[in-house]
Amino acid sequence: MQRLEYAHWDPETFHANAAADIRALLIRCGFPPNDAPLERPGVDSP
């Protein structure tokens, strides 16, 4: 079994990649991106 090389693990890169993956998943599920308005014309607002 191969040992994990912890010296090459970069937490900042990991968290940035995880945040990007989660954001892409939320957008795919229908949540608006962070820079989009929360209300959708004709759906959430009269």
Protein backbone atom coordinates (compact mmCIF):
# COMPACT_ATOMS: atom_id res chain seq x y z
CA MET A 1 0.00 0.00 0.00
CA GLN A 2 1.29 3.42 -0.95
CA ARG A 3 1.93 5.92 1.82
CA LEU A 4 0.46 9.39 1.57
CA GLU A 5 3.01 12.14 1.15
CA TYR A 6 1.78 14.74 3.62
CA ALA A 7 4.68 17.07 2.77
CA HIS A 8 3.15 17.70 -0.67
CA TRP A 9 -0.37 18.31 0.61
CA ASP A 10 -1.22 22.01 0.37
CA PRO A 11 -4.24 22.91 2.53
CA GLU A 12 -4.81 26.26 0.77
CA THR A 13 -4.93 24.63 -2.65
CA PHE A 14 -7.14 21.84 -1.30
CA HIS A 15 -9.63 24.29 0.22
CA ALA A 16 -9.68 26.44 -2.92
CA ASN A 17 -10.36 23.40 -5.10
CA ALA A 18 -13.02 22.11 -2.71
CA ALA A 19 -14.74 25.50 -2.64
CA ALA A 20 -14.74 25.66 -6.43
CA ASP A 21 -16.15 22.12 -6.68
CA ILE A 22 -18.90 22.86 -4.15
CA ARG A 23 -19.78 26.14 -5.91
CA ALA A 24 -19.99 24.35 -9.27
CA LEU A 25 -22.16 21.63 -7.74
CA LEU A 26 -24.54 24.17 -6.18
CA ILE A 27 -24.84 26.05 -9.47
CA ARG A 28 -25.57 22.75 -11.27
CA CYS A 29 -28.28 22.03 -8.69
CA GLY A 30 -29.95 25.36 -9.43
CA PHE A 31 -28.52 27.69 -6.80
CA PRO A 32 -27.44 31.06 -8.19
CA PRO A 33 -23.73 31.88 -8.35
CA ASN A 34 -22.40 34.27 -5.69
CA ASP A 35 -22.39 37.22 -8.07
CA ALA A 36 -25.97 36.67 -9.26
CA PRO A 37 -29.02 38.25 -7.64
CA LEU A 38 -30.87 35.89 -5.31
CA GLU A 39 -34.30 36.56 -6.76
CA ARG A 40 -35.12 35.36 -10.27
CA PRO A 41 -37.37 37.69 -12.28
CA GLY A 42 -40.86 36.26 -12.63
CA VAL A 43 -40.18 33.40 -10.22
CA ASP A 44 -39.28 34.81 -6.81
CA SER A 45 -40.50 38.37 -7.38
CA PRO A 46 -43.90 39.40 -8.72
